[in-house]
C-alpha atoms as a PDB file:
ATOM      1  CA  MET A   1       0.240   0.114   0.005  1.00  0.00           C
ATOM      2  CA  ARG A   2       1.288   3.544  -0.469  1.00  0.00           C
ATOM      3  CA  ASP A   3       2.226   6.015   1.672  1.00  0.00           C
ATOM      4  CA  THR A   4      -0.499   9.033   1.310  1.00  0.00           C
ATOM      5  CA  ILE A   5      -0.141  12.164   3.111  1.00  0.00           C
ATOM      6  CA  GLY A   6      -3.143  13.949   3.774  1.00  0.00           C
ATOM      7  CA  PHE A   7      -3.694  17.775   3.392  1.00  0.00           C
ATOM      8  CA  VAL A   8      -6.673  20.271   4.163  1.00  0.00           C
ATOM      9  CA  GLY A   9      -7.654  23.086   3.295  1.00  0.00           C
ATOM     10  CA  LEU A  10      -7.027  25.012  -0.029  1.00  0.00           C
ATOM     11  CA  GLU A  11      -7.596  28.456   0.675  1.00  0.00           C
ATOM     12  CA  GLN A  12      -4.737  31.290   0.637  1.00  0.00           C
ATOM     13  CA  LEU A  13      -1.674  29.376   1.791  1.00  0.00           C
ATOM     14  CA  GLY A  14      -2.825  25.954   1.574  1.00  0.00           C
ATOM     15  CA  GLN A  15      -2.770  25.817  -1.997  1.00  0.00           C
ATOM     16  CA  PRO A  16       1.112  26.986  -2.497  1.00  0.00           C
ATOM     17  CA  ILE A  17       1.911  24.883   0.914  1.00  0.00           C
ATOM     18  CA  ALA A  18       0.040  21.657  -0.882  1.00  0.00           C
ATOM     19  CA  ARG A  19       1.492  22.662  -4.220  1.00  0.00           C
ATOM     20  CA  LEU A  20       5.445  22.381  -2.619  1.00  0.00           C
ATOM     21  CA  LEU A  21       4.617  19.190  -0.906  1.00  0.00           C
ATOM     22  CA  LEU A  22       3.106  18.073  -4.410  1.00  0.00           C
ATOM     23  CA  GLN A  23       6.297  18.484  -6.223  1.00  0.00           C
ATOM     24  CA  ALA A  24       8.415  17.586  -3.519  1.00  0.00           C
ATOM     25  CA  LEU A  25       7.280  13.988  -2.330  1.00  0.00           C
ATOM     26  CA  GLU A  26       8.887  11.267  -3.021  1.00  0.00           C
ATOM     27  CA  PRO A  27       7.496   8.584  -6.316  1.00  0.00           C
ATOM     28  CA  GLU A  28       6.134   5.884  -3.804  1.00  0.00           C
ATOM     29  CA  ARG A  29       4.124   8.896  -1.666  1.00  0.00           C
ATOM     30  CA  ASP A  30       0.856  10.030  -2.514  1.00  0.00           C
ATOM     31  CA  LEU A  31      -0.851  13.291  -1.492  1.00  0.00           C
ATOM     32  CA  ARG A  32      -4.410  13.122  -0.789  1.00  0.00           C
ATOM     33  CA  VAL A  33      -6.217  16.456  -0.622  1.00  0.00           C
ATOM     34  CA  PHE A  34      -9.797  17.696   0.911  1.00  0.00           C
ATOM     35  CA  ASP A  35     -11.735  21.224   0.704  1.00  0.00           C
ATOM     36  CA  LEU A  36     -15.270  21.787   1.027  1.00  0.00           C
ATOM     37  CA  ARG A  37     -15.081  23.917  -1.929  1.00  0.00           C
ATOM     38  CA  GLU A  38     -14.056  21.444  -4.871  1.00  0.00           C
ATOM     39  CA  GLU A  39     -13.178  24.443  -7.342  1.00  0.00           C
ATOM     40  CA  ARG A  40      -9.560  24.566  -4.822  1.00  0.00           C
ATOM     41  CA  LEU A  41      -8.843  21.346  -5.779  1.00  0.00           C
ATOM     42  CA  ALA A  42      -8.299  21.360 -10.006  1.00  0.00           C
ATOM     43  CA  PRO A  43      -4.865  22.946  -9.583  1.00  0.00           C
ATOM     44  CA  LEU A  44      -3.772  20.054  -7.913  1.00  0.00           C
ATOM     45  CA  LEU A  45      -5.232  17.419  -8.948  1.00  0.00           C
ATOM     46  CA  ALA A  46      -3.780  18.398 -12.745  1.00  0.00           C
ATOM     47  CA  PRO A  47      -0.703  17.534 -11.262  1.00  0.00           C
ATOM     48  CA  GLY A  48      -1.579  14.511  -9.639  1.00  0.00           C
ATOM     49  CA  ALA A  49      -2.940  15.024  -6.168  1.00  0.00           C
ATOM     50  CA  ALA A  50      -5.491  12.405  -5.386  1.00  0.00           C
ATOM     51  CA  GLN A  51      -9.031  13.798  -4.400  1.00  0.00           C
ATOM     52  CA  ALA A  52     -10.545  12.881  -0.926  1.00  0.00           C
ATOM     53  CA  PHE A  53     -14.487  13.429  -1.620  1.00  0.00           C
ATOM     54  CA  ARG A  54     -14.903  13.953   2.102  1.00  0.00           C
ATOM     55  CA  LEU A  55     -13.317  14.394   4.780  1.00  0.00           C
ATOM     56  CA  GLY A  56     -13.366  11.020   6.469  1.00  0.00           C
ATOM     57  CA  GLU A  57     -11.076   9.791   3.431  1.00  0.00           C
ATOM     58  CA  VAL A  58      -7.945  12.276   3.715  1.00  0.00           C
ATOM     59  CA  ALA A  59      -6.292  10.203   6.111  1.00  0.00           C
ATOM     60  CA  GLN A  60      -4.420   6.684   6.430  1.00  0.00           C
ATOM     61  CA  PRO A  61      -4.440   4.802   9.671  1.00  0.00           C
ATOM     62  CA  GLY A  62      -1.057   5.865  11.314  1.00  0.00           C
ATOM     63  CA  GLY A  63      -0.308   8.046   8.560  1.00  0.00           C
ATOM     64  CA  ILE A  64      -0.092  11.721   8.654  1.00  0.00           C
ATOM     65  CA  VAL A  65      -2.179  14.767   7.591  1.00  0.00           C
ATOM     66  CA  VAL A  66      -1.189  18.708   7.130  1.00  0.00           C
ATOM     67  CA  SER A  67      -3.963  20.574   7.411  1.00  0.00           C
ATOM     68  CA  MET A  68      -4.343  24.729   6.777  1.00  0.00           C
ATOM     69  CA  VAL A  69      -7.949  25.730   7.853  1.00  0.00           C
ATOM     70  CA  PRO A  70      -8.463  29.956   8.779  1.00  0.00           C
ATOM     71  CA  ASP A  71      -9.416  29.635  12.448  1.00  0.00           C
ATOM     72  CA  ASP A  72      -9.931  27.979  15.839  1.00  0.00           C
ATOM     73  CA  GLN A  73     -13.197  26.859  14.912  1.00  0.00           C
ATOM     74  CA  ALA A  74     -12.814  24.975  11.234  1.00  0.00           C
ATOM     75  CA  LEU A  75      -9.956  23.512  12.729  1.00  0.00           C
ATOM     76  CA  ARG A  76     -11.558  21.959  15.637  1.00  0.00           C
ATOM     77  CA  GLN A  77     -14.411  21.316  12.935  1.00  0.00           C
ATOM     78  CA  ILE A  78     -12.062  18.728  11.122  1.00  0.00           C
ATOM     79  CA  ALA A  79     -10.159  17.453  14.282  1.00  0.00           C
ATOM     80  CA  GLY A  80     -13.047  16.144  16.241  1.00  0.00           C
ATOM     81  CA  GLY A  81     -16.673  14.383  15.537  1.00  0.00           C
ATOM     82  CA  PRO A  82     -17.172  10.713  13.794  1.00  0.00           C
ATOM     83  CA  ASP A  83     -16.047  11.894  10.095  1.00  0.00           C
ATOM     84  CA  GLY A  84     -12.906  14.231  11.709  1.00  0.00           C
ATOM     85  CA  LEU A  85      -9.044  13.408  11.611  1.00  0.00           C
ATOM     86  CA  LEU A  86      -8.760  11.850  14.964  1.00  0.00           C
ATOM     87  CA  SER A  87     -10.510   8.817  14.390  1.00  0.00           C
ATOM     88  CA  GLN A  88      -8.825   8.466  10.953  1.00  0.00           C
ATOM     89  CA  LEU A  89      -5.423   8.625  12.018  1.00  0.00           C
ATOM     90  CA  ALA A  90      -5.420   5.962  14.822  1.00  0.00           C
ATOM     91  CA  GLU A  91      -2.852   4.718  16.648  1.00  0.00           C
ATOM     92  CA  GLY A  92       1.114   6.552  15.614  1.00  0.00           C
ATOM     93  CA  GLY A  93      -1.257   9.250  13.171  1.00  0.00           C
ATOM     94  CA  VAL A  94       0.137  12.424  13.251  1.00  0.00           C
ATOM     95  CA  HIS A  95      -1.855  16.056  12.414  1.00  0.00           C
ATOM     96  CA  LEU A  96       0.452  18.651  11.988  1.00  0.00           C
ATOM     97  CA  SER A  97      -1.388  21.892  12.027  1.00  0.00           C
ATOM     98  CA  LEU A  98      -0.154  25.017  10.032  1.00  0.00           C
ATOM     99  CA  SER A  99      -2.804  27.183  10.689  1.00  0.00           C
ATOM    100  CA  THR A 100      -2.359  30.669  13.501  1.00  0.00           C
ATOM    101  CA  ILE A 101      -4.705  29.344  16.196  1.00  0.00           C
ATOM    102  CA  SER A 102      -4.876  30.060  20.110  1.00  0.00           C
ATOM    103  CA  PRO A 103      -2.652  28.381  22.477  1.00  0.00           C
ATOM    104  CA  ALA A 104      -5.718  27.167  24.165  1.00  0.00           C
ATOM    105  CA  LEU A 105      -6.790  24.779  21.431  1.00  0.00           C
ATOM    106  CA  ALA A 106      -3.476  23.745  20.571  1.00  0.00           C
ATOM    107  CA  ARG A 107      -3.066  22.331  24.327  1.00  0.00           C
ATOM    108  CA  GLU A 108      -6.854  20.870  24.355  1.00  0.00           C
ATOM    109  CA  LEU A 109      -6.185  18.946  20.908  1.00  0.00           C
ATOM    110  CA  ALA A 110      -2.913  17.969  22.113  1.00  0.00           C
ATOM    111  CA  ARG A 111      -4.278  16.038  25.203  1.00  0.00           C
ATOM    112  CA  LEU A 112      -7.322  14.743  23.017  1.00  0.00           C
ATOM    113  CA  TYR A 113      -4.787  13.299  20.438  1.00  0.00           C
ATOM    114  CA  ALA A 114      -2.994  11.926  23.097  1.00  0.00           C
ATOM    115  CA  ARG A 115      -6.078   9.992  24.286  1.00  0.00           C
ATOM    116  CA  GLY A 116      -6.080   8.699  21.250  1.00  0.00           C
ATOM    117  CA  TYR A 117      -2.279   7.315  20.843  1.00  0.00           C
ATOM    118  CA  CYS A 118      -1.716  10.286  18.302  1.00  0.00           C
ATOM    119  CA  ALA A 119       0.058  13.092  18.028  1.00  0.00           C
ATOM    120  CA  PHE A 120      -0.803  16.960  17.224  1.00  0.00           C
ATOM    121  CA  LEU A 121       1.554  19.303  16.274  1.00  0.00           C
ATOM    122  CA  ALA A 122       1.125  22.967  16.525  1.00  0.00           C
ATOM    123  CA  ALA A 123       3.492  24.429  13.598  1.00  0.00           C
ATOM    124  CA  THR A 124       3.146  28.236  11.955  1.00  0.00           C
ATOM    125  CA  ILE A 125       4.156  29.891   8.816  1.00  0.00           C
ATOM    126  CA  LEU A 126       5.827  33.198   8.480  1.00  0.00           C
ATOM    127  CA  GLY A 127       5.672  34.597   5.177  1.00  0.00           C
ATOM    128  CA  ARG A 128       3.259  35.215   2.538  1.00  0.00           C
ATOM    129  CA  PRO A 129       1.897  33.325  -0.450  1.00  0.00           C
ATOM    130  CA  GLU A 130       4.624  34.596  -2.711  1.00  0.00           C
ATOM    131  CA  MET A 131       7.232  33.766   0.073  1.00  0.00           C
ATOM    132  CA  VAL A 132       5.773  30.285   0.348  1.00  0.00           C
ATOM    133  CA  GLU A 133       5.579  29.456  -3.412  1.00  0.00           C
ATOM    134  CA  ARG A 134       9.252  30.259  -3.589  1.00  0.00           C
ATOM    135  CA  ALA A 135       9.900  28.090  -0.106  1.00  0.00           C
ATOM    136  CA  GLU A 136      11.186  31.053   1.610  1.00  0.00           C
ATOM    137  CA  ALA A 137       8.858  31.096   4.427  1.00  0.00           C
ATOM    138  CA  SER A 138       9.897  30.663   8.149  1.00  0.00           C
ATOM    139  CA  VAL A 139       8.248  27.843   9.975  1.00  0.00           C
ATOM    140  CA  LEU A 140       7.960  27.515  13.884  1.00  0.00           C
ATOM    141  CA  LEU A 141       7.075  24.010  15.047  1.00  0.00           C
ATOM    142  CA  SER A 142       5.728  22.856  18.639  1.00  0.00           C
ATOM    143  CA  GLY A 143       4.850  19.393  20.072  1.00  0.00           C
ATOM    144  CA  GLU A 144       6.096  15.625  20.670  1.00  0.00           C
ATOM    145  CA  THR A 145       9.686  15.090  19.570  1.00  0.00           C
ATOM    146  CA  ALA A 146       9.090  11.891  17.870  1.00  0.00           C
ATOM    147  CA  ALA A 147       5.644  13.191  16.121  1.00  0.00           C
ATOM    148  CA  LYS A 148       8.575  16.521  14.874  1.00  0.00           C
ATOM    149  CA  GLU A 149      10.679  13.906  13.229  1.00  0.00           C
ATOM    150  CA  ARG A 150       8.413  12.060  11.443  1.00  0.00           C
ATOM    151  CA  VAL A 151       7.316  15.668   9.610  1.00  0.00           C
ATOM    152  CA  LEU A 152      10.913  17.545   9.550  1.00  0.00           C
ATOM    153  CA  PRO A 153      11.229  16.018   5.750  1.00  0.00           C
ATOM    154  CA  LEU A 154       7.569  17.366   4.881  1.00  0.00           C
ATOM    155  CA  LEU A 155       8.506  21.023   6.903  1.00  0.00           C
ATOM    156  CA  ARG A 156      11.865  21.597   5.087  1.00  0.00           C
ATOM    157  CA  MET A 157      10.170  21.301   1.631  1.00  0.00           C
ATOM    158  CA  LEU A 158       8.372  24.844   2.404  1.00  0.00           C
ATOM    159  CA  GLY A 159      10.905  27.000   3.758  1.00  0.00           C
ATOM    160  CA  THR A 160      14.724  27.197   5.215  1.00  0.00           C
ATOM    161  CA  HIS A 161      14.109  29.022   8.043  1.00  0.00           C
ATOM    162  CA  LEU A 162      12.815  25.982  10.597  1.00  0.00           C
ATOM    163  CA  VAL A 163      12.625  26.934  14.316  1.00  0.00           C
ATOM    164  CA  ASP A 164      11.879  24.237  16.999  1.00  0.00           C
ATOM    165  CA  LEU A 165      10.123  25.597  19.959  1.00  0.00           C
ATOM    166  CA  GLY A 166      10.034  22.725  22.355  1.00  0.00           C
ATOM    167  CA  GLU A 167       7.164  20.382  23.301  1.00  0.00           C
ATOM    168  CA  ARG A 168       5.163  22.238  24.442  1.00  0.00           C
ATOM    169  CA  GLN A 169       2.320  22.542  21.832  1.00  0.00           C
ATOM    170  CA  GLU A 170       0.938  25.988  22.597  1.00  0.00           C
ATOM    171  CA  THR A 171       4.548  27.407  21.881  1.00  0.00           C
ATOM    172  CA  ALA A 172       4.607  27.785  18.267  1.00  0.00           C
ATOM    173  CA  ALA A 173       0.756  29.241  18.464  1.00  0.00           C
ATOM    174  CA  ILE A 174       1.839  31.845  21.165  1.00  0.00           C
ATOM    175  CA  ALA A 175       4.832  33.130  18.878  1.00  0.00           C
ATOM    176  CA  LYS A 176       2.985  33.351  15.787  1.00  0.00           C
ATOM    177  CA  ILE A 177       0.632  35.852  18.117  1.00  0.00           C
ATOM    178  CA  GLY A 178       3.752  37.651  19.266  1.00  0.00           C
ATOM    179  CA  VAL A 179       5.002  37.872  15.757  1.00  0.00           C
ATOM    180  CA  ASN A 180       1.583  39.270  14.256  1.00  0.00           C
ATOM    181  CA  VAL A 181       1.386  41.968  17.126  1.00  0.00           C
ATOM    182  CA  LEU A 182       4.956  42.829  16.307  1.00  0.00           C
ATOM    183  CA  ILE A 183       4.106  43.524  12.720  1.00  0.00           C
ATOM    184  CA  GLY A 184       1.159  45.155  14.037  1.00  0.00           C
ATOM    185  CA  ALA A 185       2.587  47.506  15.787  1.00  0.00           C
ATOM    186  CA  ALA A 186       5.416  48.516  13.552  1.00  0.00           C
ATOM    187  CA  LEU A 187       2.594  49.580  11.046  1.00  0.00           C
ATOM    188  CA  GLU A 188       0.608  51.801  13.470  1.00  0.00           C
ATOM    189  CA  ALA A 189       3.828  53.523  14.184  1.00  0.00           C
ATOM    190  CA  LEU A 190       4.970  54.130  10.497  1.00  0.00           C
ATOM    191  CA  GLY A 191       1.065  54.866   9.424  1.00  0.00           C
ATOM    192  CA  GLU A 192       1.188  57.538  12.050  1.00  0.00           C
ATOM    193  CA  ARG A 193       4.824  58.896  11.501  1.00  0.00           C
ATOM    194  CA  VAL A 194       3.090  59.256   7.546  1.00  0.00           C
ATOM    195  CA  HIS A 195       0.298  61.309   8.704  1.00  0.00           C
ATOM    196  CA  LEU A 196       2.374  63.387  10.495  1.00  0.00           C
ATOM    197  CA  MET A 197       4.750  63.891   7.390  1.00  0.00           C
ATOM    198  CA  GLU A 198       1.515  64.637   5.226  1.00  0.00           C
ATOM    199  CA  ASP A 199       0.353  67.247   8.496  1.00  0.00           C
ATOM    200  CA  ASN A 200       3.975  68.981   7.598  1.00  0.00           C
ATOM    201  CA  GLY A 201       3.463  69.030   3.906  1.00  0.00           C
ATOM    202  CA  LEU A 202       5.262  66.459   2.848  1.00  0.00           C
ATOM    203  CA  GLU A 203       3.154  63.583   0.084  1.00  0.00           C
ATOM    204  CA  ARG A 204       3.361  60.372   1.301  1.00  0.00           C
ATOM    205  CA  THR A 205       4.685  58.748  -2.301  1.00  0.00           C
ATOM    206  CA  PRO A 206       8.523  60.539  -1.405  1.00  0.00           C
ATOM    207  CA  PHE A 207       8.243  59.765   1.981  1.00  0.00           C
ATOM    208  CA  LEU A 208       7.364  56.027   1.511  1.00  0.00           C
ATOM    209  CA  ARG A 209       9.955  55.721  -1.106  1.00  0.00           C
ATOM    210  CA  LEU A 210      12.559  57.339   1.412  1.00  0.00           C
ATOM    211  CA  LEU A 211      11.371  54.058   3.427  1.00  0.00           C
ATOM    212  CA  THR A 212      11.379  51.112   1.154  1.00  0.00           C
ATOM    213  CA  GLU A 213      14.778  52.364  -0.899  1.00  0.00           C
ATOM    214  CA  SER A 214      16.924  52.864   2.788  1.00  0.00           C
ATOM    215  CA  VAL A 215      18.531  50.101   4.180  1.00  0.00           C
ATOM    216  CA  LEU A 216      17.219  50.358   7.407  1.00  0.00           C
ATOM    217  CA  PHE A 217      13.576  49.649   6.118  1.00  0.00           C
ATOM    218  CA  ARG A 218      14.137  46.813   3.273  1.00  0.00           C
ATOM    219  CA  GLY A 219      12.712  44.337   5.390  1.00  0.00           C
ATOM    220  CA  ALA A 220       9.600  41.971   3.762  1.00  0.00           C
ATOM    221  CA  VAL A 221       6.930  43.724   6.335  1.00  0.00           C
ATOM    222  CA  TYR A 222       7.442  47.312   5.283  1.00  0.00           C
ATOM    223  CA  LYS A 223       7.936  46.093   1.728  1.00  0.00           C
ATOM    224  CA  ARG A 224       4.708  44.551   1.611  1.00  0.00           C
ATOM    225  CA  TYR A 225       2.476  46.834   3.513  1.00  0.00           C
ATOM    226  CA  LEU A 226       3.751  50.310   3.358  1.00  0.00           C
ATOM    227  CA  TYR A 227       1.467  51.537   0.242  1.00  0.00           C
ATOM    228  CA  ALA A 228      -1.119  49.727   1.477  1.00  0.00           C
ATOM    229  CA  LEU A 229      -1.486  52.735   4.109  1.00  0.00           C
ATOM    230  CA  PRO A 230      -4.848  54.156   3.600  1.00  0.00           C
ATOM    231  CA  ALA A 231      -5.374  58.041   3.730  1.00  0.00           C
ATOM    232  CA  GLY A 232      -7.488  59.372   6.164  1.00  0.00           C
ATOM    233  CA  VAL A 233      -6.949  59.414  10.222  1.00  0.00           C
ATOM    234  CA  PRO A 234      -3.705  57.966  11.632  1.00  0.00           C
ATOM    235  CA  GLY A 235      -2.572  55.458  14.184  1.00  0.00           C
ATOM    236  CA  ASN A 236      -5.098  52.737  15.711  1.00  0.00           C
ATOM    237  CA  GLU A 237      -8.419  53.923  13.593  1.00  0.00           C
ATOM    238  CA  ASN A 238      -6.588  53.091  10.413  1.00  0.00           C
ATOM    239  CA  ASP A 239      -8.460  50.417   8.321  1.00  0.00           C
ATOM    240  CA  LEU A 240      -5.622  48.155   7.443  1.00  0.00           C
ATOM    241  CA  LEU A 241      -4.345  48.069  10.461  1.00  0.00           C
ATOM    242  CA  ARG A 242      -7.947  47.516  12.585  1.00  0.00           C
ATOM    243  CA  ARG A 243      -8.594  44.738  10.010  1.00  0.00           C
ATOM    244  CA  GLN A 244      -5.522  42.778   9.632  1.00  0.00           C
ATOM    245  CA  PHE A 245      -3.860  43.246  13.011  1.00  0.00           C
ATOM    246  CA  HIS A 246      -6.146  44.364  15.639  1.00  0.00           C
ATOM    247  CA  PRO A 247      -7.573  41.181  16.281  1.00  0.00           C
ATOM    248  CA  CYS A 248      -3.803  39.240  16.957  1.00  0.00           C
ATOM    249  CA  LEU A 249      -3.817  42.016  20.113  1.00  0.00           C
ATOM    250  CA  ASP A 250      -7.468  40.767  20.693  1.00  0.00           C
ATOM    251  CA  ARG A 251      -6.093  37.294  20.889  1.00  0.00           C
ATOM    252  CA  CYS A 252      -3.249  37.559  22.960  1.00  0.00           C
ATOM    253  CA  GLN A 253      -5.418  39.356  25.967  1.00  0.00           C
ATOM    254  CA  ARG A 254      -7.703  36.186  25.802  1.00  0.00           C
ATOM    255  CA  TYR A 255      -5.640  33.565  25.021  1.00  0.00           C
ATOM    256  CA  LEU A 256      -2.044  34.590  26.645  1.00  0.00           C
END
C-alpha cells in the first residue's frame, strides 16, 4: 500500500503549501487533498494529487495529515467528530496543523490526540503566499519530539528557516501571535508617522519611497504593507491595521 499524506484546507496559504509538497514528495508517496470548495482542488488534481471526496477519506491509519484552515473553529471541526481526523488517524498518526490558532486550542487538541494514541503538532508559517511559493517561508514548530521527526522532511520542503520551539504544543501558537502583534505595532507606528509628514506638507509617496529604498526599511513587512496604508485617519483608526492586526491583540488578551 502506498504511503499517503493527507492535506486539508486549500485557501490562500494552503494552495502553495500543498503544491510544494506535491512537487517534492518521493515517487512512492501520494498527496490526498480535501477542501469543502471543489474548485480549489483542480490546480492540485491536474499535476497528480488524489482527491478525498469527504473529510473521512483524507487520512491513513497511522499516517500524517497536514491542515491549513482559517481559525480555531474550523480546526476543531475537522479534528473531532465521527468523520474527523482523530478518528481516522488511529494509533501512531500525526496531525500537523499549520494554522494560526490559539494556544488554548493547541493544548486542548494535544490532550485529545494523546488519548487516541496520536500526536497533534502545532506549526505555523511566517510569510506571504508568494514567499511560500518560493519556499522562503519560516516555519515555527512545537510538539512531541518523535512526531516532529516524522514531519521534518515535509516542513523542510516549505522553507529553509525552521524553528523548533520545544515539546509544549502551544509555544508555536504563542510565537506566531507575538510576531503578528509586532508587525501590527510597526505598521501602526509607521502609519502615524506618515500622517504626521502629510500634516506638515510632505507628500506620502516620496516619504514612503525614502523608507523602502533605505537599508533600514528593506524588510518584507515594510515593502509589503507600506504602500497599502490608506489615507485618512492615523493611528489605531487605520482601517488596514484594524482589520488585519488588531484581532491579534485581541487574541493575546484572550488566550495568553
